[in-house]
């Protein structure tokens, strides 16, 4: 919503109407101040809602991962240790006992 464009449209519509004695003093200024305040609040609410949704989804994902870890039984892999395999693979080229490959 473009606030300046809305203000122009409201002002043009108000100028077409004859003045009325029932309208309180400085009514238009109060309305315009409320519109500006509401536009600012909507931007803040947009970010707040998005961040809360992201936080909630992260908590749900953490709970699901924790439940999977607790309730899925461990499978015996016959003594294969992935950390040892990774270390042996990464440090294979740094082993001083091997001769360099020509």
PDB file of N, CA and C in Angstrom:
ATOM      1  N   UNK A   1       0.839  -1.161   0.000  1.00  0.00           N
ATOM      2  CA  UNK A   1       0.000   0.000   0.000  1.00  0.00           C
ATOM      3  C   UNK A   1       0.890   1.232   0.000  1.00  0.00           C
ATOM      4  N   UNK A   2       0.697   2.088  -0.983  1.00  0.00           N
ATOM      5  CA  UNK A   2       1.466   3.318  -1.078  1.00  0.00           C
ATOM      6  C   UNK A   2       0.740   4.379  -0.255  1.00  0.00           C
ATOM      7  N   UNK A   3       1.349   4.831   0.819  1.00  0.00           N
ATOM      8  CA  UNK A   3       0.713   5.742   1.752  1.00  0.00           C
ATOM      9  C   UNK A   3       0.497   7.115   1.131  1.00  0.00           C
ATOM     10  N   UNK A   4       1.450   7.590   0.354  1.00  0.00           N
ATOM     11  CA  UNK A   4       1.309   8.907  -0.273  1.00  0.00           C
ATOM     12  C   UNK A   4       0.160   8.901  -1.280  1.00  0.00           C
ATOM     13  N   UNK A   5       0.051   7.845  -2.048  1.00  0.00           N
ATOM     14  CA  UNK A   5      -1.035   7.733  -3.033  1.00  0.00           C
ATOM     15  C   UNK A   5      -2.391   7.641  -2.337  1.00  0.00           C
ATOM     16  N   UNK A   6      -2.468   6.910  -1.254  1.00  0.00           N
ATOM     17  CA  UNK A   6      -3.699   6.796  -0.482  1.00  0.00           C
ATOM     18  C   UNK A   6      -4.098   8.148   0.093  1.00  0.00           C
ATOM     19  N   UNK A   7      -3.126   8.881   0.582  1.00  0.00           N
ATOM     20  CA  UNK A   7      -3.400  10.201   1.135  1.00  0.00           C
ATOM     21  C   UNK A   7      -3.949  11.135   0.057  1.00  0.00           C
ATOM     22  N   UNK A   8      -3.391  11.084  -1.138  1.00  0.00           N
ATOM     23  CA  UNK A   8      -3.885  11.924  -2.237  1.00  0.00           C
ATOM     24  C   UNK A   8      -5.326  11.565  -2.595  1.00  0.00           C
ATOM     25  N   UNK A   9      -5.622  10.271  -2.648  1.00  0.00           N
ATOM     26  CA  UNK A   9      -6.977   9.832  -2.990  1.00  0.00           C
ATOM     27  C   UNK A   9      -7.981  10.245  -1.914  1.00  0.00           C
ATOM     28  N   UNK A  10      -7.612  10.086  -0.645  1.00  0.00           N
ATOM     29  CA  UNK A  10      -8.509  10.472   0.438  1.00  0.00           C
ATOM     30  C   UNK A  10      -8.736  11.984   0.472  1.00  0.00           C
ATOM     31  N   UNK A  11      -7.687  12.738   0.230  1.00  0.00           N
ATOM     32  CA  UNK A  11      -7.813  14.187   0.212  1.00  0.00           C
ATOM     33  C   UNK A  11      -8.702  14.632  -0.939  1.00  0.00           C
ATOM     34  N   UNK A  12      -8.533  14.034  -2.117  1.00  0.00           N
ATOM     35  CA  UNK A  12      -9.366  14.392  -3.271  1.00  0.00           C
ATOM     36  C   UNK A  12     -10.828  14.033  -3.018  1.00  0.00           C
ATOM     37  N   UNK A  13     -11.078  12.889  -2.403  1.00  0.00           N
ATOM     38  CA  UNK A  13     -12.455  12.489  -2.104  1.00  0.00           C
ATOM     39  C   UNK A  13     -13.067  13.406  -1.049  1.00  0.00           C
ATOM     40  N   UNK A  14     -12.290  13.825  -0.081  1.00  0.00           N
ATOM     41  CA  UNK A  14     -12.797  14.702   0.973  1.00  0.00           C
ATOM     42  C   UNK A  14     -13.103  16.091   0.436  1.00  0.00           C
ATOM     43  N   UNK A  15     -12.343  16.569  -0.513  1.00  0.00           N
ATOM     44  CA  UNK A  15     -12.589  17.904  -1.082  1.00  0.00           C
ATOM     45  C   UNK A  15     -13.870  17.949  -1.913  1.00  0.00           C
ATOM     46  N   UNK A  16     -14.297  16.803  -2.419  1.00  0.00           N
ATOM     47  CA  UNK A  16     -15.534  16.765  -3.201  1.00  0.00           C
ATOM     48  C   UNK A  16     -16.774  16.846  -2.302  1.00  0.00           C
ATOM     49  N   UNK A  17     -16.641  16.503  -1.040  1.00  0.00           N
ATOM     50  CA  UNK A  17     -17.766  16.529  -0.107  1.00  0.00           C
ATOM     51  C   UNK A  17     -17.887  17.896   0.559  1.00  0.00           C
ATOM     52  N   UNK A  18     -19.103  18.361   0.768  1.00  0.00           N
ATOM     53  CA  UNK A  18     -19.267  19.639   1.493  1.00  0.00           C
ATOM     54  C   UNK A  18     -18.918  19.450   2.971  1.00  0.00           C
ATOM     55  N   UNK A  19     -18.429  20.495   3.636  1.00  0.00           N
ATOM     56  CA  UNK A  19     -18.088  20.388   5.060  1.00  0.00           C
ATOM     57  C   UNK A  19     -19.325  20.073   5.900  1.00  0.00           C
ATOM     58  N   UNK A  20     -19.106  19.313   6.952  1.00  0.00           N
ATOM     59  CA  UNK A  20     -20.198  18.904   7.827  1.00  0.00           C
ATOM     60  C   UNK A  20     -19.869  19.337   9.246  1.00  0.00           C
ATOM     61  N   UNK A  21     -20.880  19.765   9.979  1.00  0.00           N
ATOM     62  CA  UNK A  21     -20.663  20.219  11.355  1.00  0.00           C
ATOM     63  C   UNK A  21     -20.471  19.066  12.326  1.00  0.00           C
ATOM     64  N   UNK A  22     -20.807  17.857  11.927  1.00  0.00           N
ATOM     65  CA  UNK A  22     -20.684  16.705  12.824  1.00  0.00           C
ATOM     66  C   UNK A  22     -19.248  16.179  12.921  1.00  0.00           C
ATOM     67  N   UNK A  23     -18.360  16.589  12.020  1.00  0.00           N
ATOM     68  CA  UNK A  23     -16.974  16.102  12.016  1.00  0.00           C
ATOM     69  C   UNK A  23     -16.184  16.844  13.094  1.00  0.00           C
ATOM     70  N   UNK A  24     -15.506  16.119  13.984  1.00  0.00           N
ATOM     71  CA  UNK A  24     -14.740  16.786  15.042  1.00  0.00           C
ATOM     72  C   UNK A  24     -13.521  17.532  14.480  1.00  0.00           C
ATOM     73  N   UNK A  25     -13.014  18.443  15.305  1.00  0.00           N
ATOM     74  CA  UNK A  25     -11.869  19.261  14.920  1.00  0.00           C
ATOM     75  C   UNK A  25     -10.635  18.381  14.708  1.00  0.00           C
ATOM     76  N   UNK A  26      -9.885  18.609  13.636  1.00  0.00           N
ATOM     77  CA  UNK A  26      -8.632  17.922  13.275  1.00  0.00           C
ATOM     78  C   UNK A  26      -8.831  16.415  13.093  1.00  0.00           C
ATOM     79  N   UNK A  27     -10.013  16.039  12.661  1.00  0.00           N
ATOM     80  CA  UNK A  27     -10.310  14.622  12.441  1.00  0.00           C
ATOM     81  C   UNK A  27      -9.401  14.022  11.375  1.00  0.00           C
ATOM     82  N   UNK A  28      -9.190  14.751  10.283  1.00  0.00           N
ATOM     83  CA  UNK A  28      -8.370  14.222   9.184  1.00  0.00           C
ATOM     84  C   UNK A  28      -6.923  14.009   9.614  1.00  0.00           C
ATOM     85  N   UNK A  29      -6.420  14.870  10.489  1.00  0.00           N
ATOM     86  CA  UNK A  29      -5.034  14.693  10.952  1.00  0.00           C
ATOM     87  C   UNK A  29      -4.911  13.446  11.830  1.00  0.00           C
ATOM     88  N   UNK A  30      -5.914  13.186  12.628  1.00  0.00           N
ATOM     89  CA  UNK A  30      -5.879  11.986  13.462  1.00  0.00           C
ATOM     90  C   UNK A  30      -5.955  10.724  12.609  1.00  0.00           C
ATOM     91  N   UNK A  31      -6.792  10.756  11.582  1.00  0.00           N
ATOM     92  CA  UNK A  31      -6.917   9.594  10.697  1.00  0.00           C
ATOM     93  C   UNK A  31      -5.612   9.349   9.951  1.00  0.00           C
ATOM     94  N   UNK A  32      -5.002  10.414   9.432  1.00  0.00           N
ATOM     95  CA  UNK A  32      -3.739  10.250   8.699  1.00  0.00           C
ATOM     96  C   UNK A  32      -2.626   9.750   9.626  1.00  0.00           C
ATOM     97  N   UNK A  33      -2.620  10.198  10.865  1.00  0.00           N
ATOM     98  CA  UNK A  33      -1.621   9.711  11.822  1.00  0.00           C
ATOM     99  C   UNK A  33      -1.843   8.230  12.115  1.00  0.00           C
ATOM    100  N   UNK A  34      -3.099   7.812  12.232  1.00  0.00           N
ATOM    101  CA  UNK A  34      -3.390   6.395  12.458  1.00  0.00           C
ATOM    102  C   UNK A  34      -2.987   5.546  11.259  1.00  0.00           C
ATOM    103  N   UNK A  35      -3.198   6.052  10.050  1.00  0.00           N
ATOM    104  CA  UNK A  35      -2.792   5.301   8.856  1.00  0.00           C
ATOM    105  C   UNK A  35      -1.277   5.119   8.805  1.00  0.00           C
ATOM    106  N   UNK A  36      -0.534   6.170   9.111  1.00  0.00           N
ATOM    107  CA  UNK A  36       0.927   6.065   9.106  1.00  0.00           C
ATOM    108  C   UNK A  36       1.406   5.097  10.176  1.00  0.00           C
ATOM    109  N   UNK A  37       0.782   5.151  11.352  1.00  0.00           N
ATOM    110  CA  UNK A  37       1.164   4.246  12.441  1.00  0.00           C
ATOM    111  C   UNK A  37       0.844   2.799  12.083  1.00  0.00           C
ATOM    112  N   UNK A  38      -0.283   2.597  11.444  1.00  0.00           N
ATOM    113  CA  UNK A  38      -0.679   1.237  11.075  1.00  0.00           C
ATOM    114  C   UNK A  38       0.245   0.662  10.009  1.00  0.00           C
ATOM    115  N   UNK A  39       0.690   1.488   9.066  1.00  0.00           N
ATOM    116  CA  UNK A  39       1.614   1.008   8.031  1.00  0.00           C
ATOM    117  C   UNK A  39       2.933   0.574   8.656  1.00  0.00           C
ATOM    118  N   UNK A  40       3.419   1.325   9.619  1.00  0.00           N
ATOM    119  CA  UNK A  40       4.672   0.960  10.287  1.00  0.00           C
ATOM    120  C   UNK A  40       4.489  -0.308  11.108  1.00  0.00           C
ATOM    121  N   UNK A  41       3.364  -0.422  11.779  1.00  0.00           N
ATOM    122  CA  UNK A  41       3.115  -1.612  12.594  1.00  0.00           C
ATOM    123  C   UNK A  41       2.983  -2.850  11.717  1.00  0.00           C
ATOM    124  N   UNK A  42       2.430  -2.710  10.524  1.00  0.00           N
ATOM    125  CA  UNK A  42       2.268  -3.879   9.673  1.00  0.00           C
ATOM    126  C   UNK A  42       3.626  -4.415   9.213  1.00  0.00           C
ATOM    127  N   UNK A  43       4.588  -3.529   8.981  1.00  0.00           N
ATOM    128  CA  UNK A  43       5.939  -3.995   8.620  1.00  0.00           C
ATOM    129  C   UNK A  43       6.568  -4.760   9.772  1.00  0.00           C
ATOM    130  N   UNK A  44       6.403  -4.240  10.973  1.00  0.00           N
ATOM    131  CA  UNK A  44       6.967  -4.916  12.138  1.00  0.00           C
ATOM    132  C   UNK A  44       6.265  -6.244  12.388  1.00  0.00           C
ATOM    133  N   UNK A  45       4.963  -6.271  12.215  1.00  0.00           N
ATOM    134  CA  UNK A  45       4.224  -7.511  12.417  1.00  0.00           C
ATOM    135  C   UNK A  45       4.605  -8.563  11.376  1.00  0.00           C
ATOM    136  N   UNK A  46       4.892  -8.115  10.154  1.00  0.00           N
ATOM    137  CA  UNK A  46       5.318  -9.037   9.107  1.00  0.00           C
ATOM    138  C   UNK A  46       6.598  -9.756   9.521  1.00  0.00           C
ATOM    139  N   UNK A  47       7.575  -9.001   9.998  1.00  0.00           N
ATOM    140  CA  UNK A  47       8.840  -9.607  10.418  1.00  0.00           C
ATOM    141  C   UNK A  47       8.651 -10.467  11.669  1.00  0.00           C
ATOM    142  N   UNK A  48       7.858  -9.992  12.613  1.00  0.00           N
ATOM    143  CA  UNK A  48       7.655 -10.750  13.845  1.00  0.00           C
ATOM    144  C   UNK A  48       6.986 -12.096  13.552  1.00  0.00           C
ATOM    145  N   UNK A  49       5.959 -12.082  12.702  1.00  0.00           N
ATOM    146  CA  UNK A  49       5.290 -13.341  12.361  1.00  0.00           C
ATOM    147  C   UNK A  49       6.241 -14.301  11.661  1.00  0.00           C
ATOM    148  N   UNK A  50       7.012 -13.782  10.729  1.00  0.00           N
ATOM    149  CA  UNK A  50       7.949 -14.639   9.999  1.00  0.00           C
ATOM    150  C   UNK A  50       8.995 -15.256  10.904  1.00  0.00           C
ATOM    151  N   UNK A  51       9.529 -14.462  11.819  1.00  0.00           N
ATOM    152  CA  UNK A  51      10.549 -14.988  12.732  1.00  0.00           C
ATOM    153  C   UNK A  51       9.965 -16.004  13.706  1.00  0.00           C
ATOM    154  N   UNK A  52       8.736 -15.772  14.180  1.00  0.00           N
ATOM    155  CA  UNK A  52       8.118 -16.753  15.075  1.00  0.00           C
ATOM    156  C   UNK A  52       7.830 -18.046  14.345  1.00  0.00           C
ATOM    157  N   UNK A  53       7.380 -17.950  13.100  1.00  0.00           N
ATOM    158  CA  UNK A  53       7.130 -19.175  12.330  1.00  0.00           C
ATOM    159  C   UNK A  53       8.423 -19.945  12.108  1.00  0.00           C
ATOM    160  N   UNK A  54       9.504 -19.226  11.844  1.00  0.00           N
ATOM    161  CA  UNK A  54      10.791 -19.891  11.656  1.00  0.00           C
ATOM    162  C   UNK A  54      11.249 -20.557  12.959  1.00  0.00           C
ATOM    163  N   UNK A  55      11.049 -19.881  14.077  1.00  0.00           N
ATOM    164  CA  UNK A  55      11.451 -20.456  15.364  1.00  0.00           C
ATOM    165  C   UNK A  55      10.626 -21.703  15.678  1.00  0.00           C
ATOM    166  N   UNK A  56       9.344 -21.635  15.416  1.00  0.00           N
ATOM    167  CA  UNK A  56       8.484 -22.790  15.684  1.00  0.00           C
ATOM    168  C   UNK A  56       8.879 -23.969  14.800  1.00  0.00           C
ATOM    169  N   UNK A  57       9.145 -23.704  13.533  1.00  0.00           N
ATOM    170  CA  UNK A  57       9.530 -24.803  12.648  1.00  0.00           C
ATOM    171  C   UNK A  57      10.877 -25.401  13.061  1.00  0.00           C
ATOM    172  N   UNK A  58      11.799 -24.591  13.552  1.00  0.00           N
ATOM    173  CA  UNK A  58      13.084 -25.122  14.026  1.00  0.00           C
ATOM    174  C   UNK A  58      12.899 -25.996  15.260  1.00  0.00           C
ATOM    175  N   UNK A  59      12.031 -25.595  16.166  1.00  0.00           N
ATOM    176  CA  UNK A  59      11.762 -26.402  17.363  1.00  0.00           C
ATOM    177  C   UNK A  59      11.113 -27.727  16.972  1.00  0.00           C
ATOM    178  N   UNK A  60      10.161 -27.675  16.040  1.00  0.00           N
ATOM    179  CA  UNK A  60       9.508 -28.909  15.588  1.00  0.00           C
ATOM    180  C   UNK A  60      10.528 -29.842  14.938  1.00  0.00           C
ATOM    181  N   UNK A  61      11.395 -29.299  14.115  1.00  0.00           N
ATOM    182  CA  UNK A  61      12.425 -30.114  13.473  1.00  0.00           C
ATOM    183  C   UNK A  61      13.368 -30.726  14.506  1.00  0.00           C
ATOM    184  N   UNK A  62      13.741 -29.960  15.536  1.00  0.00           N
ATOM    185  CA  UNK A  62      14.624 -30.489  16.584  1.00  0.00           C
ATOM    186  C   UNK A  62      13.936 -31.607  17.366  1.00  0.00           C
ATOM    187  N   UNK A  63      12.641 -31.451  17.643  1.00  0.00           N
ATOM    188  CA  UNK A  63      11.898 -32.493  18.375  1.00  0.00           C
ATOM    189  C   UNK A  63      11.794 -33.757  17.528  1.00  0.00           C
ATOM    190  N   UNK A  64      11.537 -33.602  16.232  1.00  0.00           N
ATOM    191  CA  UNK A  64      11.459 -34.775  15.345  1.00  0.00           C
ATOM    192  C   UNK A  64      12.798 -35.496  15.277  1.00  0.00           C
ATOM    193  N   UNK A  65      13.877 -34.738  15.136  1.00  0.00           N
ATOM    194  CA  UNK A  65      15.209 -35.371  15.086  1.00  0.00           C
ATOM    195  C   UNK A  65      15.530 -36.079  16.399  1.00  0.00           C
ATOM    196  N   UNK A  66      15.166 -35.465  17.514  1.00  0.00           N
ATOM    197  CA  UNK A  66      15.396 -36.112  18.808  1.00  0.00           C
ATOM    198  C   UNK A  66      14.580 -37.379  18.958  1.00  0.00           C
ATOM    199  N   UNK A  67      13.334 -37.355  18.510  1.00  0.00           N
ATOM    200  CA  UNK A  67      12.484 -38.546  18.601  1.00  0.00           C
ATOM    201  C   UNK A  67      13.022 -39.670  17.726  1.00  0.00           C
ATOM    202  N   UNK A  68      13.477 -39.322  16.541  1.00  0.00           N
ATOM    203  CA  UNK A  68      14.043 -40.337  15.648  1.00  0.00           C
ATOM    204  C   UNK A  68      15.280 -40.954  16.285  1.00  0.00           C
ATOM    205  N   UNK A  69      16.109 -40.126  16.902  1.00  0.00           N
ATOM    206  CA  UNK A  69      17.322 -40.647  17.524  1.00  0.00           C
ATOM    207  C   UNK A  69      17.007 -41.554  18.703  1.00  0.00           C
ATOM    208  N   UNK A  70      15.974 -41.230  19.454  1.00  0.00           N
ATOM    209  CA  UNK A  70      15.637 -42.041  20.623  1.00  0.00           C
ATOM    210  C   UNK A  70      14.932 -43.348  20.256  1.00  0.00           C
ATOM    211  N   UNK A  71      14.054 -43.298  19.259  1.00  0.00           N
ATOM    212  CA  UNK A  71      13.194 -44.439  19.004  1.00  0.00           C
ATOM    213  C   UNK A  71      13.665 -45.377  17.904  1.00  0.00           C
ATOM    214  N   UNK A  72      14.629 -44.972  17.108  1.00  0.00           N
ATOM    215  CA  UNK A  72      15.138 -45.864  16.062  1.00  0.00           C
ATOM    216  C   UNK A  72      16.259 -46.695  16.675  1.00  0.00           C
ATOM    217  N   UNK A  73      16.173 -48.023  16.595  1.00  0.00           N
ATOM    218  CA  UNK A  73      17.211 -48.866  17.211  1.00  0.00           C
ATOM    219  C   UNK A  73      18.526 -48.782  16.434  1.00  0.00           C
ATOM    220  N   UNK A  74      19.617 -48.943  17.186  1.00  0.00           N
ATOM    221  CA  UNK A  74      20.930 -48.929  16.545  1.00  0.00           C
ATOM    222  C   UNK A  74      21.145 -50.231  15.792  1.00  0.00           C
ATOM    223  N   UNK A  75      21.767 -50.107  14.640  1.00  0.00           N
ATOM    224  CA  UNK A  75      22.065 -51.283  13.833  1.00  0.00           C
ATOM    225  C   UNK A  75      23.549 -51.593  14.008  1.00  0.00           C
ATOM    226  N   UNK A  76      23.849 -52.832  14.372  1.00  0.00           N
ATOM    227  CA  UNK A  76      25.250 -53.228  14.527  1.00  0.00           C
ATOM    228  C   UNK A  76      25.876 -53.352  13.141  1.00  0.00           C
ATOM    229  N   UNK A  77      26.970 -52.631  12.914  1.00  0.00           N
ATOM    230  CA  UNK A  77      27.589 -52.638  11.587  1.00  0.00           C
ATOM    231  C   UNK A  77      28.831 -53.520  11.531  1.00  0.00           C
ATOM    232  N   UNK A  78      28.997 -54.394  12.463  1.00  0.00           N
ATOM    233  CA  UNK A  78      30.100 -55.350  12.432  1.00  0.00           C
ATOM    234  C   UNK A  78      31.447 -54.739  12.790  1.00  0.00           C
ATOM    235  N   UNK A  79      31.475 -53.665  13.563  1.00  0.00           N
ATOM    236  CA  UNK A  79      32.741 -53.098  14.007  1.00  0.00           C
ATOM    237  C   UNK A  79      33.293 -52.027  13.089  1.00  0.00           C
ATOM    238  N   UNK A  80      32.592 -51.637  12.062  1.00  0.00           N
ATOM    239  CA  UNK A  80      33.064 -50.558  11.193  1.00  0.00           C
ATOM    240  C   UNK A  80      32.829 -49.223  11.900  1.00  0.00           C
ATOM    241  N   UNK A  81      33.914 -48.498  12.058  1.00  0.00           N
ATOM    242  CA  UNK A  81      33.835 -47.195  12.711  1.00  0.00           C
ATOM    243  C   UNK A  81      34.044 -46.118  11.655  1.00  0.00           C
ATOM    244  N   UNK A  82      33.019 -45.346  11.407  1.00  0.00           N
ATOM    245  CA  UNK A  82      33.084 -44.338  10.355  1.00  0.00           C
ATOM    246  C   UNK A  82      34.120 -43.270  10.664  1.00  0.00           C
ATOM    247  N   UNK A  83      34.279 -42.918  11.932  1.00  0.00           N
ATOM    248  CA  UNK A  83      35.257 -41.884  12.274  1.00  0.00           C
ATOM    249  C   UNK A  83      36.680 -42.367  11.979  1.00  0.00           C
ATOM    250  N   UNK A  84      36.965 -43.626  12.230  1.00  0.00           N
ATOM    251  CA  UNK A  84      38.290 -44.158  11.931  1.00  0.00           C
ATOM    252  C   UNK A  84      38.519 -44.244  10.427  1.00  0.00           C
ATOM    253  N   UNK A  85      37.513 -44.651   9.676  1.00  0.00           N
ATOM    254  CA  UNK A  85      37.640 -44.701   8.223  1.00  0.00           C
ATOM    255  C   UNK A  85      37.902 -43.315   7.644  1.00  0.00           C
ATOM    256  N   UNK A  86      37.197 -42.312   8.161  1.00  0.00           N
ATOM    257  CA  UNK A  86      37.382 -40.937   7.689  1.00  0.00           C
ATOM    258  C   UNK A  86      38.779 -40.436   8.026  1.00  0.00           C
ATOM    259  N   UNK A  87      39.228 -40.695   9.242  1.00  0.00           N
ATOM    260  CA  UNK A  87      40.561 -40.255   9.642  1.00  0.00           C
ATOM    261  C   UNK A  87      41.638 -40.930   8.798  1.00  0.00           C
ATOM    262  N   UNK A  88      41.516 -42.216   8.555  1.00  0.00           N
ATOM    263  CA  UNK A  88      42.504 -42.925   7.728  1.00  0.00           C
ATOM    264  C   UNK A  88      42.515 -42.389   6.305  1.00  0.00           C
ATOM    265  N   UNK A  89      41.363 -42.049   5.780  1.00  0.00           N
ATOM    266  CA  UNK A  89      41.280 -41.521   4.412  1.00  0.00           C
ATOM    267  C   UNK A  89      41.902 -40.142   4.318  1.00  0.00           C
ATOM    268  N   UNK A  90      41.613 -39.270   5.282  1.00  0.00           N
ATOM    269  CA  UNK A  90      42.124 -37.902   5.235  1.00  0.00           C
ATOM    270  C   UNK A  90      43.623 -37.836   5.504  1.00  0.00           C
ATOM    271  N   UNK A  91      44.113 -38.698   6.377  1.00  0.00           N
ATOM    272  CA  UNK A  91      45.523 -38.644   6.745  1.00  0.00           C
ATOM    273  C   UNK A  91      46.395 -39.599   5.922  1.00  0.00           C
ATOM    274  N   UNK A  92      45.831 -40.250   4.925  1.00  0.00           N
ATOM    275  CA  UNK A  92      46.610 -41.202   4.124  1.00  0.00           C
ATOM    276  C   UNK A  92      47.738 -40.508   3.381  1.00  0.00           C
ATOM    277  N   UNK A  93      47.483 -39.296   2.889  1.00  0.00           N
ATOM    278  CA  UNK A  93      48.526 -38.600   2.136  1.00  0.00           C
ATOM    279  C   UNK A  93      49.571 -37.985   3.053  1.00  0.00           C
ATOM    280  N   UNK A  94      49.304 -37.849   4.346  1.00  0.00           N
ATOM    281  CA  UNK A  94      50.245 -37.251   5.278  1.00  0.00           C
ATOM    282  C   UNK A  94      51.096 -38.284   6.010  1.00  0.00           C
ATOM    283  N   UNK A  95      50.952 -39.543   5.671  1.00  0.00           N
ATOM    284  CA  UNK A  95      51.710 -40.610   6.334  1.00  0.00           C
ATOM    285  C   UNK A  95      53.154 -40.532   5.899  1.00  0.00           C
ATOM    286  N   UNK A  96      54.118 -40.317   6.846  1.00  0.00           N
ATOM    287  CA  UNK A  96      55.540 -40.170   6.463  1.00  0.00           C
ATOM    288  C   UNK A  96      56.190 -41.484   6.048  1.00  0.00           C
ATOM    289  N   UNK A  97      55.580 -42.615   6.340  1.00  0.00           N
ATOM    290  CA  UNK A  97      56.187 -43.891   6.023  1.00  0.00           C
ATOM    291  C   UNK A  97      56.035 -44.280   4.559  1.00  0.00           C
ATOM    292  N   UNK A  98      55.163 -43.637   3.847  1.00  0.00           N
ATOM    293  CA  UNK A  98      54.948 -44.015   2.447  1.00  0.00           C
ATOM    294  C   UNK A  98      55.826 -43.174   1.542  1.00  0.00           C
ATOM    295  N   UNK A  99      56.262 -43.796   0.476  1.00  0.00           N
ATOM    296  CA  UNK A  99      57.054 -43.072  -0.529  1.00  0.00           C
ATOM    297  C   UNK A  99      56.095 -42.326  -1.452  1.00  0.00           C
ATOM    298  N   UNK A 100      56.490 -41.169  -1.950  1.00  0.00           N
ATOM    299  CA  UNK A 100      55.624 -40.419  -2.853  1.00  0.00           C
ATOM    300  C   UNK A 100      55.385 -41.163  -4.150  1.00  0.00           C
ATOM    301  N   UNK A 101      54.240 -41.023  -4.703  1.00  0.00           N
ATOM    302  CA  UNK A 101      53.881 -41.691  -5.961  1.00  0.00           C
ATOM    303  C   UNK A 101      54.481 -40.888  -7.115  1.00  0.00           C
ATOM    304  N   UNK A 102      55.286 -41.589  -7.985  1.00  0.00           N
ATOM    305  CA  UNK A 102      55.936 -40.831  -9.084  1.00  0.00           C
ATOM    306  C   UNK A 102      54.980 -40.459 -10.171  1.00  0.00           C
TER     307      UNK A 102
END
